[in-house]
């Protein structure tokens, strides 16, 4: 085997270990919860109302 062939073999073997770029969390969740926020309200207003309510609190 020539030095060039050995170099090509090593490069091709190491490609397996190069991590593939993953989608970010925001990209994965984009559009998943469409329709949850009522029309006419901003997400900030909706979240503020949810925090002030008893939503998710254990009695």
N, C-alpha and C. Protein backbone atom coordinates (compact mmCIF):
# COMPACT_ATOMS: atom_id res chain seq x y z
N UNK A 1 0.85 -1.18 0.00
CA UNK A 1 0.00 0.00 0.00
C UNK A 1 0.90 1.24 0.00
N UNK A 2 0.55 2.19 -0.82
CA UNK A 2 1.36 3.41 -0.88
C UNK A 2 0.96 4.35 0.25
N UNK A 3 1.78 5.31 0.46
CA UNK A 3 1.52 6.29 1.51
C UNK A 3 0.23 7.06 1.23
N UNK A 4 -0.01 7.38 -0.04
CA UNK A 4 -1.23 8.09 -0.41
C UNK A 4 -2.47 7.23 -0.13
N UNK A 5 -2.40 5.95 -0.47
CA UNK A 5 -3.53 5.05 -0.21
C UNK A 5 -3.78 4.92 1.29
N UNK A 6 -2.71 4.85 2.06
CA UNK A 6 -2.86 4.76 3.51
C UNK A 6 -3.50 6.03 4.07
N UNK A 7 -3.08 7.17 3.56
CA UNK A 7 -3.65 8.44 4.01
C UNK A 7 -5.13 8.52 3.69
N UNK A 8 -5.51 8.10 2.49
CA UNK A 8 -6.92 8.11 2.08
C UNK A 8 -7.73 7.17 2.97
N UNK A 9 -7.18 6.01 3.27
CA UNK A 9 -7.87 5.04 4.13
C UNK A 9 -8.10 5.62 5.53
N UNK A 10 -7.09 6.27 6.09
CA UNK A 10 -7.21 6.86 7.43
C UNK A 10 -8.26 7.97 7.43
N UNK A 11 -8.23 8.80 6.40
CA UNK A 11 -9.21 9.90 6.30
C UNK A 11 -10.62 9.34 6.21
N UNK A 12 -10.82 8.33 5.39
CA UNK A 12 -12.16 7.75 5.23
C UNK A 12 -12.64 7.07 6.51
N UNK A 13 -11.74 6.44 7.24
CA UNK A 13 -12.11 5.80 8.50
C UNK A 13 -12.49 6.84 9.55
N UNK A 14 -11.83 7.97 9.55
CA UNK A 14 -12.10 9.00 10.56
C UNK A 14 -13.36 9.79 10.27
N UNK A 15 -13.90 9.69 9.09
CA UNK A 15 -15.15 10.40 8.78
C UNK A 15 -16.31 9.87 9.62
N UNK A 16 -16.20 8.66 10.07
CA UNK A 16 -17.24 8.06 10.90
C UNK A 16 -17.37 8.84 12.21
N UNK A 17 -16.28 9.35 12.72
CA UNK A 17 -16.26 10.00 14.02
C UNK A 17 -16.61 11.48 13.97
N UNK A 18 -16.79 12.03 12.78
CA UNK A 18 -17.18 13.43 12.67
C UNK A 18 -18.67 13.52 12.98
N UNK A 19 -19.03 14.24 14.04
CA UNK A 19 -20.46 14.31 14.40
C UNK A 19 -21.25 15.08 13.35
N UNK A 20 -22.43 14.58 13.07
CA UNK A 20 -23.31 15.27 12.14
C UNK A 20 -23.99 16.42 12.88
N UNK A 21 -24.21 17.50 12.18
CA UNK A 21 -24.82 18.67 12.80
C UNK A 21 -26.28 18.34 13.13
N UNK A 22 -26.62 18.53 14.38
CA UNK A 22 -27.99 18.26 14.82
C UNK A 22 -28.81 19.54 14.78
N UNK A 23 -30.10 19.36 14.67
CA UNK A 23 -30.99 20.52 14.74
C UNK A 23 -31.05 21.01 16.17
N UNK A 24 -31.14 22.30 16.33
CA UNK A 24 -31.25 22.89 17.65
C UNK A 24 -32.64 22.62 18.22
N UNK A 25 -32.77 22.78 19.50
CA UNK A 25 -34.04 22.54 20.18
C UNK A 25 -35.13 23.44 19.63
N UNK A 26 -34.80 24.69 19.39
CA UNK A 26 -35.79 25.63 18.86
C UNK A 26 -36.29 25.18 17.49
N UNK A 27 -35.40 24.66 16.66
CA UNK A 27 -35.80 24.19 15.34
C UNK A 27 -36.68 22.94 15.44
N UNK A 28 -36.40 22.07 16.41
CA UNK A 28 -37.20 20.86 16.59
C UNK A 28 -38.62 21.20 17.06
N UNK A 29 -38.74 22.20 17.91
CA UNK A 29 -40.04 22.54 18.48
C UNK A 29 -40.83 23.53 17.65
N UNK A 30 -40.21 24.09 16.62
CA UNK A 30 -40.85 25.10 15.80
C UNK A 30 -42.14 24.55 15.19
N UNK A 31 -43.26 25.15 15.54
CA UNK A 31 -44.56 24.76 15.00
C UNK A 31 -45.24 23.62 15.73
N UNK A 32 -44.60 23.01 16.72
CA UNK A 32 -45.20 21.88 17.43
C UNK A 32 -46.41 22.29 18.27
N UNK A 33 -46.40 23.50 18.79
CA UNK A 33 -47.45 23.94 19.70
C UNK A 33 -48.31 25.03 19.08
N UNK A 34 -48.44 24.97 17.79
CA UNK A 34 -49.23 25.96 17.07
C UNK A 34 -50.68 25.90 17.54
N UNK A 35 -51.27 27.04 17.83
CA UNK A 35 -52.65 27.09 18.26
C UNK A 35 -52.86 27.11 19.76
N UNK A 36 -51.80 26.94 20.53
CA UNK A 36 -51.95 26.95 21.99
C UNK A 36 -52.22 28.36 22.50
N UNK A 37 -51.50 29.34 21.97
CA UNK A 37 -51.68 30.73 22.39
C UNK A 37 -52.90 31.29 21.69
N UNK A 38 -53.89 31.76 22.45
CA UNK A 38 -55.11 32.29 21.85
C UNK A 38 -54.83 33.49 20.94
N UNK A 39 -55.63 33.61 19.91
CA UNK A 39 -55.46 34.74 18.99
C UNK A 39 -55.74 36.04 19.73
N UNK A 40 -55.01 37.06 19.42
CA UNK A 40 -55.18 38.36 20.06
C UNK A 40 -54.29 38.54 21.27
N UNK A 41 -53.59 37.49 21.71
CA UNK A 41 -52.67 37.59 22.84
C UNK A 41 -51.26 37.31 22.35
N UNK A 42 -50.31 37.97 22.99
CA UNK A 42 -48.92 37.66 22.69
C UNK A 42 -48.49 36.49 23.56
N UNK A 43 -47.40 35.86 23.20
CA UNK A 43 -46.91 34.74 24.01
C UNK A 43 -46.54 35.21 25.42
N UNK A 44 -46.03 36.43 25.53
CA UNK A 44 -45.68 36.97 26.85
C UNK A 44 -46.91 37.12 27.73
N UNK A 45 -47.99 37.65 27.17
CA UNK A 45 -49.23 37.81 27.94
C UNK A 45 -49.77 36.45 28.36
N UNK A 46 -49.73 35.49 27.46
CA UNK A 46 -50.24 34.15 27.75
C UNK A 46 -49.43 33.49 28.87
N UNK A 47 -48.12 33.57 28.78
CA UNK A 47 -47.26 32.97 29.81
C UNK A 47 -47.45 33.65 31.15
N UNK A 48 -47.57 34.97 31.15
CA UNK A 48 -47.78 35.72 32.40
C UNK A 48 -49.08 35.26 33.06
N UNK A 49 -50.13 35.08 32.28
CA UNK A 49 -51.41 34.64 32.83
C UNK A 49 -51.30 33.22 33.39
N UNK A 50 -50.57 32.35 32.69
CA UNK A 50 -50.40 30.98 33.16
C UNK A 50 -49.62 30.94 34.47
N UNK A 51 -48.61 31.77 34.59
CA UNK A 51 -47.80 31.81 35.82
C UNK A 51 -48.62 32.30 37.01
N UNK A 52 -49.51 33.23 36.77
CA UNK A 52 -50.32 33.79 37.85
C UNK A 52 -51.49 32.89 38.24
N UNK A 53 -51.82 31.93 37.40
CA UNK A 53 -52.93 31.03 37.70
C UNK A 53 -52.42 29.86 38.54
N UNK A 54 -53.28 28.94 38.83
CA UNK A 54 -52.89 27.75 39.59
C UNK A 54 -52.43 26.62 38.68
N UNK A 55 -52.20 26.92 37.40
CA UNK A 55 -51.79 25.91 36.44
C UNK A 55 -50.49 25.22 36.88
N UNK A 56 -50.54 23.91 37.03
CA UNK A 56 -49.36 23.13 37.34
C UNK A 56 -48.93 23.13 38.80
N UNK A 57 -49.67 23.80 39.66
CA UNK A 57 -49.29 23.83 41.07
C UNK A 57 -49.97 22.69 41.81
N UNK A 58 -49.25 22.11 42.72
CA UNK A 58 -49.79 21.01 43.52
C UNK A 58 -50.43 21.60 44.77
N UNK A 59 -51.62 21.14 45.07
CA UNK A 59 -52.32 21.64 46.26
C UNK A 59 -52.00 20.79 47.45
